PDB file of all heavy atoms in Angstrom:
ATOM      1  N   LEU A   1     -43.135 184.482 150.667  1.00  0.00           N
ATOM      2  CA  LEU A   1     -43.486 185.519 149.731  1.00  0.00           C
ATOM      3  C   LEU A   1     -42.226 185.920 148.982  1.00  0.00           C
ATOM      4  O   LEU A   1     -42.433 186.732 148.019  1.00  0.00           O
ATOM      5  CB  LEU A   1     -44.102 186.784 150.505  1.00  0.00           C
ATOM      6  CG  LEU A   1     -45.423 186.346 151.220  1.00  0.00           C
ATOM      7  CD1 LEU A   1     -45.907 187.623 151.975  1.00  0.00           C
ATOM      8  CD2 LEU A   1     -46.526 185.958 150.277  1.00  0.00           C
ATOM      9  N   GLY A   2     -41.058 185.576 149.372  1.00  0.00           N
ATOM     10  CA  GLY A   2     -39.788 186.138 148.834  1.00  0.00           C
ATOM     11  C   GLY A   2     -39.531 185.747 147.428  1.00  0.00           C
ATOM     12  O   GLY A   2     -39.820 184.582 146.995  1.00  0.00           O
ATOM     13  N   ALA A   3     -39.018 186.651 146.742  1.00  0.00           N
ATOM     14  CA  ALA A   3     -38.709 186.404 145.233  1.00  0.00           C
ATOM     15  C   ALA A   3     -37.630 185.380 144.998  1.00  0.00           C
ATOM     16  O   ALA A   3     -37.732 184.555 144.066  1.00  0.00           O
ATOM     17  CB  ALA A   3     -38.324 187.712 144.595  1.00  0.00           C
ATOM     18  N   ILE A   4     -36.559 185.421 145.827  1.00  0.00           N
ATOM     19  CA  ILE A   4     -35.523 184.556 145.690  1.00  0.00           C
ATOM     20  C   ILE A   4     -35.959 182.974 145.919  1.00  0.00           C
ATOM     21  O   ILE A   4     -35.605 182.097 145.138  1.00  0.00           O
ATOM     22  CB  ILE A   4     -34.291 184.808 146.554  1.00  0.00           C
ATOM     23  CG1 ILE A   4     -33.871 186.180 146.036  1.00  0.00           C
ATOM     24  CG2 ILE A   4     -33.223 183.848 146.603  1.00  0.00           C
ATOM     25  CD1 ILE A   4     -32.695 186.722 146.888  1.00  0.00           C
ATOM     26  N   PRO A   5     -36.692 182.685 147.035  1.00  0.00           N
ATOM     27  CA  PRO A   5     -37.110 181.355 147.290  1.00  0.00           C
ATOM     28  C   PRO A   5     -38.103 180.802 146.246  1.00  0.00           C
ATOM     29  O   PRO A   5     -38.097 179.739 145.725  1.00  0.00           O
ATOM     30  CB  PRO A   5     -37.779 181.371 148.737  1.00  0.00           C
ATOM     31  CG  PRO A   5     -37.247 182.394 149.303  1.00  0.00           C
ATOM     32  CD  PRO A   5     -37.006 183.415 148.215  1.00  0.00           C
ATOM     33  N   ARG A   6     -38.922 181.799 145.589  1.00  0.00           N
ATOM     34  CA  ARG A   6     -39.797 181.343 144.455  1.00  0.00           C
ATOM     35  C   ARG A   6     -38.925 181.026 143.243  1.00  0.00           C
ATOM     36  O   ARG A   6     -39.267 180.090 142.487  1.00  0.00           O
ATOM     37  CB  ARG A   6     -40.606 182.503 144.169  1.00  0.00           C
ATOM     38  CG  ARG A   6     -41.971 182.635 145.130  1.00  0.00           C
ATOM     39  CD  ARG A   6     -42.799 183.756 144.741  1.00  0.00           C
ATOM     40  NE  ARG A   6     -43.946 183.781 145.661  1.00  0.00           N
ATOM     41  CZ  ARG A   6     -45.143 183.242 145.352  1.00  0.00           C
ATOM     42  NH1 ARG A   6     -45.099 182.444 144.228  1.00  0.00           N
ATOM     43  NH2 ARG A   6     -46.273 183.215 146.151  1.00  0.00           N
ATOM     44  N   LEU A   7     -37.857 181.859 143.015  1.00  0.00           N
ATOM     45  CA  LEU A   7     -37.120 181.464 141.706  1.00  0.00           C
ATOM     46  C   LEU A   7     -36.431 180.156 141.901  1.00  0.00           C
ATOM     47  O   LEU A   7     -36.182 179.383 141.044  1.00  0.00           O
ATOM     48  CB  LEU A   7     -36.023 182.585 141.589  1.00  0.00           C
ATOM     49  CG  LEU A   7     -36.626 183.977 141.062  1.00  0.00           C
ATOM     50  CD1 LEU A   7     -35.477 184.887 141.161  1.00  0.00           C
ATOM     51  CD2 LEU A   7     -37.105 183.781 139.704  1.00  0.00           C
ATOM     52  N   LEU A   8     -35.943 179.969 143.207  1.00  0.00           N
ATOM     53  CA  LEU A   8     -35.221 178.590 143.544  1.00  0.00           C
ATOM     54  C   LEU A   8     -36.231 177.490 143.320  1.00  0.00           C
ATOM     55  O   LEU A   8     -35.798 176.354 143.034  1.00  0.00           O
ATOM     56  CB  LEU A   8     -34.535 178.693 144.921  1.00  0.00           C
ATOM     57  CG  LEU A   8     -33.397 179.656 145.049  1.00  0.00           C
ATOM     58  CD1 LEU A   8     -32.919 179.718 146.368  1.00  0.00           C
ATOM     59  CD2 LEU A   8     -32.146 179.259 144.027  1.00  0.00           C
ATOM     60  N   ASP A   9     -37.409 177.662 143.686  1.00  0.00           N
ATOM     61  CA  ASP A   9     -38.497 176.631 143.562  1.00  0.00           C
ATOM     62  C   ASP A   9     -38.508 176.037 142.211  1.00  0.00           C
ATOM     63  O   ASP A   9     -38.867 174.939 141.939  1.00  0.00           O
ATOM     64  CB  ASP A   9     -39.795 177.095 144.204  1.00  0.00           C
ATOM     65  CG  ASP A   9     -39.759 177.042 145.636  1.00  0.00           C
ATOM     66  OD1 ASP A   9     -38.869 176.383 146.281  1.00  0.00           O
ATOM     67  OD2 ASP A   9     -40.658 177.808 146.291  1.00  0.00           O
ATOM     68  N   HIS A  10     -38.355 176.952 141.325  1.00  0.00           N
ATOM     69  CA  HIS A  10     -38.576 176.628 139.922  1.00  0.00           C
ATOM     70  C   HIS A  10     -37.521 175.755 139.296  1.00  0.00           C
ATOM     71  O   HIS A  10     -37.642 175.036 138.327  1.00  0.00           O
ATOM     72  CB  HIS A  10     -38.596 177.944 138.894  1.00  0.00           C
ATOM     73  CG  HIS A  10     -39.883 178.716 139.126  1.00  0.00           C
ATOM     74  ND1 HIS A  10     -41.092 178.236 138.882  1.00  0.00           N
ATOM     75  CD2 HIS A  10     -40.022 180.049 139.504  1.00  0.00           C
ATOM     76  CE1 HIS A  10     -42.027 179.207 139.002  1.00  0.00           C
ATOM     77  NE2 HIS A  10     -41.368 180.281 139.475  1.00  0.00           N
ATOM     78  N   VAL A  11     -36.318 175.695 140.042  1.00  0.00           N
ATOM     79  CA  VAL A  11     -35.310 174.701 139.675  1.00  0.00           C
ATOM     80  C   VAL A  11     -34.991 173.583 140.629  1.00  0.00           C
ATOM     81  O   VAL A  11     -34.189 172.849 140.752  1.00  0.00           O
ATOM     82  CB  VAL A  11     -33.932 175.505 139.572  1.00  0.00           C
ATOM     83  CG1 VAL A  11     -34.051 176.505 138.421  1.00  0.00           C
ATOM     84  CG2 VAL A  11     -33.580 176.224 140.828  1.00  0.00           C
ATOM     85  N   GLY A  12     -36.100 173.343 141.490  1.00  0.00           N
ATOM     86  CA  GLY A  12     -36.123 172.291 142.492  1.00  0.00           C
ATOM     87  C   GLY A  12     -35.316 172.447 143.615  1.00  0.00           C
ATOM     88  O   GLY A  12     -35.071 171.429 144.337  1.00  0.00           O
ATOM     89  N   ILE A  13     -34.971 173.705 144.138  1.00  0.00           N
ATOM     90  CA  ILE A  13     -34.277 173.942 145.281  1.00  0.00           C
ATOM     91  C   ILE A  13     -35.223 174.631 146.310  1.00  0.00           C
ATOM     92  O   ILE A  13     -35.840 175.628 146.040  1.00  0.00           O
ATOM     93  CB  ILE A  13     -33.063 174.834 145.058  1.00  0.00           C
ATOM     94  CG1 ILE A  13     -32.150 174.125 143.967  1.00  0.00           C
ATOM     95  CG2 ILE A  13     -32.337 175.092 146.296  1.00  0.00           C
ATOM     96  CD1 ILE A  13     -30.869 175.068 143.569  1.00  0.00           C
ATOM     97  N   SER A  14     -35.289 174.031 147.523  1.00  0.00           N
ATOM     98  CA  SER A  14     -36.149 174.620 148.602  1.00  0.00           C
ATOM     99  C   SER A  14     -35.274 175.051 149.709  1.00  0.00           C
ATOM    100  O   SER A  14     -34.613 173.983 150.391  1.00  0.00           O
ATOM    101  CB  SER A  14     -37.191 173.681 148.851  1.00  0.00           C
ATOM    102  OG  SER A  14     -38.016 174.191 149.939  1.00  0.00           O
ATOM    103  N   ILE A  15     -35.170 176.245 150.071  1.00  0.00           N
ATOM    104  CA  ILE A  15     -34.224 176.540 151.260  1.00  0.00           C
ATOM    105  C   ILE A  15     -35.142 177.580 152.117  1.00  0.00           C
ATOM    106  O   ILE A  15     -35.692 178.543 151.593  1.00  0.00           O
ATOM    107  CB  ILE A  15     -33.094 177.319 150.820  1.00  0.00           C
ATOM    108  CG1 ILE A  15     -32.184 176.429 149.851  1.00  0.00           C
ATOM    109  CG2 ILE A  15     -32.242 177.746 151.967  1.00  0.00           C
ATOM    110  CD1 ILE A  15     -30.964 177.076 149.292  1.00  0.00           C
ATOM    111  N   ASN A  16     -35.130 177.279 153.400  1.00  0.00           N
ATOM    112  CA  ASN A  16     -35.794 178.269 154.363  1.00  0.00           C
ATOM    113  C   ASN A  16     -34.597 178.995 154.863  1.00  0.00           C
ATOM    114  O   ASN A  16     -33.855 178.686 155.818  1.00  0.00           O
ATOM    115  CB  ASN A  16     -36.488 177.636 155.409  1.00  0.00           C
ATOM    116  CG  ASN A  16     -37.158 178.488 156.437  1.00  0.00           C
ATOM    117  OD1 ASN A  16     -36.996 179.772 156.238  1.00  0.00           O
ATOM    118  ND2 ASN A  16     -37.880 177.867 157.378  1.00  0.00           N
ATOM    119  N   PHE A  17     -34.265 180.253 154.355  1.00  0.00           N
ATOM    120  CA  PHE A  17     -33.149 181.090 154.673  1.00  0.00           C
ATOM    121  C   PHE A  17     -33.174 181.485 156.123  1.00  0.00           C
ATOM    122  O   PHE A  17     -31.907 181.662 156.588  1.00  0.00           O
ATOM    123  CB  PHE A  17     -33.104 182.267 153.641  1.00  0.00           C
ATOM    124  CG  PHE A  17     -32.747 181.938 152.267  1.00  0.00           C
ATOM    125  CD1 PHE A  17     -33.682 181.937 151.328  1.00  0.00           C
ATOM    126  CD2 PHE A  17     -31.388 181.791 151.987  1.00  0.00           C
ATOM    127  CE1 PHE A  17     -33.408 181.624 149.999  1.00  0.00           C
ATOM    128  CE2 PHE A  17     -31.017 181.429 150.700  1.00  0.00           C
ATOM    129  CZ  PHE A  17     -32.103 181.415 149.659  1.00  0.00           C
ATOM    130  N   PHE A  18     -34.180 181.654 156.686  1.00  0.00           N
ATOM    131  CA  PHE A  18     -34.251 182.124 158.057  1.00  0.00           C
ATOM    132  C   PHE A  18     -34.743 181.038 159.070  1.00  0.00           C
ATOM    133  O   PHE A  18     -35.096 181.265 160.208  1.00  0.00           O
ATOM    134  CB  PHE A  18     -35.113 183.317 158.237  1.00  0.00           C
ATOM    135  CG  PHE A  18     -34.622 184.520 157.416  1.00  0.00           C
ATOM    136  CD1 PHE A  18     -35.402 185.080 156.520  1.00  0.00           C
ATOM    137  CD2 PHE A  18     -33.306 184.916 157.518  1.00  0.00           C
ATOM    138  CE1 PHE A  18     -34.996 186.126 155.692  1.00  0.00           C
ATOM    139  CE2 PHE A  18     -32.906 186.043 156.707  1.00  0.00           C
ATOM    140  CZ  PHE A  18     -33.632 186.616 155.823  1.00  0.00           C
ATOM    141  N   GLY A  19     -34.610 179.725 158.554  1.00  0.00           N
ATOM    142  CA  GLY A  19     -34.995 178.612 159.420  1.00  0.00           C
ATOM    143  C   GLY A  19     -33.840 178.243 160.297  1.00  0.00           C
ATOM    144  O   GLY A  19     -32.754 178.793 160.155  1.00  0.00           O
ATOM    145  N   SER A  20     -34.155 177.159 161.137  1.00  0.00           N
ATOM    146  CA  SER A  20     -32.965 176.646 161.958  1.00  0.00           C
ATOM    147  C   SER A  20     -31.741 176.100 161.240  1.00  0.00           C
ATOM    148  O   SER A  20     -32.072 175.423 160.182  1.00  0.00           O
ATOM    149  CB  SER A  20     -33.532 175.609 162.884  1.00  0.00           C
ATOM    150  OG  SER A  20     -32.596 175.032 163.711  1.00  0.00           O
ATOM    151  N   GLY A  21     -30.548 176.478 161.575  1.00  0.00           N
ATOM    152  CA  GLY A  21     -29.399 176.085 160.847  1.00  0.00           C
ATOM    153  C   GLY A  21     -29.004 176.992 159.613  1.00  0.00           C
ATOM    154  O   GLY A  21     -27.865 176.984 159.260  1.00  0.00           O
ATOM    155  N   ASN A  22     -29.877 177.781 159.176  1.00  0.00           N
ATOM    156  CA  ASN A  22     -29.590 178.745 158.062  1.00  0.00           C
ATOM    157  C   ASN A  22     -29.600 180.228 158.440  1.00  0.00           C
ATOM    158  O   ASN A  22     -29.054 181.034 157.684  1.00  0.00           O
ATOM    159  CB  ASN A  22     -30.540 178.514 156.928  1.00  0.00           C
ATOM    160  CG  ASN A  22     -30.492 177.053 156.322  1.00  0.00           C
ATOM    161  OD1 ASN A  22     -29.450 176.483 156.197  1.00  0.00           O
ATOM    162  ND2 ASN A  22     -31.596 176.578 155.865  1.00  0.00           N
ATOM    163  N   ALA A  23     -30.287 180.596 159.439  1.00  0.00           N
ATOM    164  CA  ALA A  23     -30.562 181.968 159.795  1.00  0.00           C
ATOM    165  C   ALA A  23     -29.243 182.737 160.045  1.00  0.00           C
ATOM    166  O   ALA A  23     -29.154 183.829 159.428  1.00  0.00           O
ATOM    167  CB  ALA A  23     -31.506 182.048 160.937  1.00  0.00           C
ATOM    168  N   LEU A  24     -28.348 182.279 160.912  1.00  0.00           N
ATOM    169  CA  LEU A  24     -27.166 183.017 161.025  1.00  0.00           C
ATOM    170  C   LEU A  24     -26.215 183.283 159.792  1.00  0.00           C
ATOM    171  O   LEU A  24     -25.718 184.234 159.510  1.00  0.00           O
ATOM    172  CB  LEU A  24     -26.384 182.352 162.243  1.00  0.00           C
ATOM    173  CG  LEU A  24     -25.179 183.175 162.729  1.00  0.00           C
ATOM    174  CD1 LEU A  24     -25.593 184.530 163.391  1.00  0.00           C
ATOM    175  CD2 LEU A  24     -24.338 182.390 163.807  1.00  0.00           C
ATOM    176  N   LEU A  25     -26.323 182.079 159.094  1.00  0.00           N
ATOM    177  CA  LEU A  25     -25.552 182.134 157.804  1.00  0.00           C
ATOM    178  C   LEU A  25     -26.173 183.050 156.856  1.00  0.00           C
ATOM    179  O   LEU A  25     -25.401 183.834 156.154  1.00  0.00           O
ATOM    180  CB  LEU A  25     -25.501 180.791 157.171  1.00  0.00           C
ATOM    181  CG  LEU A  25     -24.631 180.603 155.872  1.00  0.00           C
ATOM    182  CD1 LEU A  25     -23.205 180.885 156.257  1.00  0.00           C
ATOM    183  CD2 LEU A  25     -24.763 179.144 155.393  1.00  0.00           C
ATOM    184  N   SER A  26     -27.525 183.315 156.882  1.00  0.00           N
ATOM    185  CA  SER A  26     -28.098 184.223 155.963  1.00  0.00           C
ATOM    186  C   SER A  26     -27.946 185.624 156.430  1.00  0.00           C
ATOM    187  O   SER A  26     -27.647 186.484 155.603  1.00  0.00           O
ATOM    188  CB  SER A  26     -29.680 183.904 155.952  1.00  0.00           C
ATOM    189  OG  SER A  26     -30.012 182.635 155.414  1.00  0.00           O
ATOM    190  N   ILE A  27     -27.882 185.894 157.795  1.00  0.00           N
ATOM    191  CA  ILE A  27     -27.542 187.201 158.230  1.00  0.00           C
ATOM    192  C   ILE A  27     -26.204 187.635 157.843  1.00  0.00           C
ATOM    193  O   ILE A  27     -25.840 188.691 157.528  1.00  0.00           O
ATOM    194  CB  ILE A  27     -27.726 187.279 159.797  1.00  0.00           C
ATOM    195  CG1 ILE A  27     -29.322 186.926 160.162  1.00  0.00           C
ATOM    196  CG2 ILE A  27     -27.312 188.558 160.350  1.00  0.00           C
ATOM    197  CD1 ILE A  27     -30.176 188.092 159.688  1.00  0.00           C
ATOM    198  N   ALA A  28     -25.229 186.636 157.946  1.00  0.00           N
ATOM    199  CA  ALA A  28     -23.803 186.876 157.631  1.00  0.00           C
ATOM    200  C   ALA A  28     -23.662 187.124 156.142  1.00  0.00           C
ATOM    201  O   ALA A  28     -22.987 188.046 155.704  1.00  0.00           O
ATOM    202  CB  ALA A  28     -22.966 185.613 157.972  1.00  0.00           C
ATOM    203  N   ALA A  29     -24.417 186.457 155.217  1.00  0.00           N
ATOM    204  CA  ALA A  29     -24.400 186.692 153.944  1.00  0.00           C
ATOM    205  C   ALA A  29     -24.947 188.111 153.405  1.00  0.00           C
ATOM    206  O   ALA A  29     -24.478 188.753 152.539  1.00  0.00           O
ATOM    207  CB  ALA A  29     -25.246 185.589 153.086  1.00  0.00           C
ATOM    208  N   ILE A  30     -25.947 188.601 154.222  1.00  0.00           N
ATOM    209  CA  ILE A  30     -26.473 189.850 154.019  1.00  0.00           C
ATOM    210  C   ILE A  30     -25.373 190.996 154.401  1.00  0.00           C
ATOM    211  O   ILE A  30     -25.198 191.971 153.672  1.00  0.00           O
ATOM    212  CB  ILE A  30     -27.781 190.190 154.798  1.00  0.00           C
ATOM    213  CG1 ILE A  30     -28.907 189.200 154.376  1.00  0.00           C
ATOM    214  CG2 ILE A  30     -28.082 191.545 154.856  1.00  0.00           C
ATOM    215  CD1 ILE A  30     -30.052 189.146 155.301  1.00  0.00           C
ATOM    216  N   ASP A  31     -24.690 190.610 155.428  1.00  0.00           N
ATOM    217  CA  ASP A  31     -23.605 191.694 155.881  1.00  0.00           C
ATOM    218  C   ASP A  31     -22.444 191.586 154.773  1.00  0.00           C
ATOM    219  O   ASP A  31     -21.965 192.710 154.553  1.00  0.00           O
ATOM    220  CB  ASP A  31     -23.086 191.109 157.235  1.00  0.00           C
ATOM    221  CG  ASP A  31     -22.029 192.082 157.719  1.00  0.00           C
ATOM    222  OD1 ASP A  31     -22.546 193.056 158.421  1.00  0.00           O
ATOM    223  OD2 ASP A  31     -20.823 191.952 157.643  1.00  0.00           O
ATOM    224  N   VAL A  32     -22.256 190.448 154.174  1.00  0.00           N
ATOM    225  CA  VAL A  32     -21.257 190.380 153.247  1.00  0.00           C
ATOM    226  C   VAL A  32     -21.721 191.163 151.918  1.00  0.00           C
ATOM    227  O   VAL A  32     -20.746 191.812 151.329  1.00  0.00           O
ATOM    228  CB  VAL A  32     -20.973 188.889 152.843  1.00  0.00           C
ATOM    229  CG1 VAL A  32     -20.154 188.754 151.553  1.00  0.00           C
ATOM    230  CG2 VAL A  32     -20.382 188.092 153.939  1.00  0.00           C
ATOM    231  N   TRP A  33     -22.954 191.041 151.644  1.00  0.00           N
ATOM    232  CA  TRP A  33     -23.370 191.784 150.461  1.00  0.00           C
ATOM    233  C   TRP A  33     -23.273 193.368 150.683  1.00  0.00           C
ATOM    234  O   TRP A  33     -22.900 194.002 149.778  1.00  0.00           O
ATOM    235  CB  TRP A  33     -24.886 191.453 150.269  1.00  0.00           C
ATOM    236  CG  TRP A  33     -25.520 192.146 149.039  1.00  0.00           C
ATOM    237  CD1 TRP A  33     -25.602 191.893 147.837  1.00  0.00           C
ATOM    238  CD2 TRP A  33     -26.236 193.502 149.141  1.00  0.00           C
ATOM    239  NE1 TRP A  33     -26.241 192.824 147.022  1.00  0.00           N
ATOM    240  CE2 TRP A  33     -26.631 193.873 147.932  1.00  0.00           C
ATOM    241  CE3 TRP A  33     -26.559 194.254 150.234  1.00  0.00           C
ATOM    242  CZ2 TRP A  33     -27.322 195.022 147.576  1.00  0.00           C
ATOM    243  CZ3 TRP A  33     -27.274 195.538 150.028  1.00  0.00           C
ATOM    244  CH2 TRP A  33     -27.569 195.852 148.675  1.00  0.00           C
ATOM    245  N   GLN A  34     -23.494 193.799 151.907  1.00  0.00           N
ATOM    246  CA  GLN A  34     -23.433 195.192 152.116  1.00  0.00           C
ATOM    247  C   GLN A  34     -22.038 195.725 152.322  1.00  0.00           C
ATOM    248  O   GLN A  34     -21.707 196.891 151.824  1.00  0.00           O
ATOM    249  CB  GLN A  34     -24.224 195.534 153.311  1.00  0.00           C
ATOM    250  CG  GLN A  34     -24.306 196.969 153.575  1.00  0.00           C
ATOM    251  CD  GLN A  34     -25.413 197.604 154.523  1.00  0.00           C
ATOM    252  OE1 GLN A  34     -25.854 196.791 155.451  1.00  0.00           O
ATOM    253  NE2 GLN A  34     -25.793 198.825 154.382  1.00  0.00           N
TER     254      GLN A  34
END
């Protein structure tokens, strides 16, 4: 349902941000944003 994955789908990029291998990196990126 996320807006960012939907936008990436339009340019042919598919990423499961909270899937295996990406989840911790995504959490770190959120911390970087804040």
